[in-house]
Amino acid sequence: MITIQTTVKASIEKVWNFWSTPEHITKWSFASPDWHTPNAEVDLREGGKFTSTMAAKDGSMSFDFWGNYTLVKENEAIEYTMGDGRKAIIHFKETAGGVEITESFDPEKENPEEMQRGGWQAILDNFKSYVESN
């Protein structure tokens, strides 16, 4: 598994809300400024499904990122299985400095692990910036 991390200076309730609400997901879930997430759907419960469309702003490419939630503990943890069978685990921990988010995921086989780590970390960094500025 690849693990990334950040600390967001916000309440646990705000972090959880911004992480799990489609109207917020579309504002932060992309790895670079030339991409965006025009659509997101979330059924945040064990057995529920999520999907988001990630697309190049110039229209040259897009893909759906989707999966099923296998564990949901409000303000604590989310686990899911992606459409291709890989697993991801996200832990939210309240600390004196803010909410520490630790995200671990199974790498896919097509791209180097460092590239995947960088892309997922960029998305997590976008999340931090978005939460802290709203």
Foldseek 3Di string as FASTA:
>chain_A
DDKDKDFAQDALVLLLCLVAPFVNCQQQQFQDPQKTWPGKDHDPDAQTKIKIKIAGNVRPDIDIWMWGWHDDDRSAKTKTATPVGKIKIWGWDQDPRHIMIMIDIDDDDPDDPVVVNSRVNSSVVSSRVSSNVD
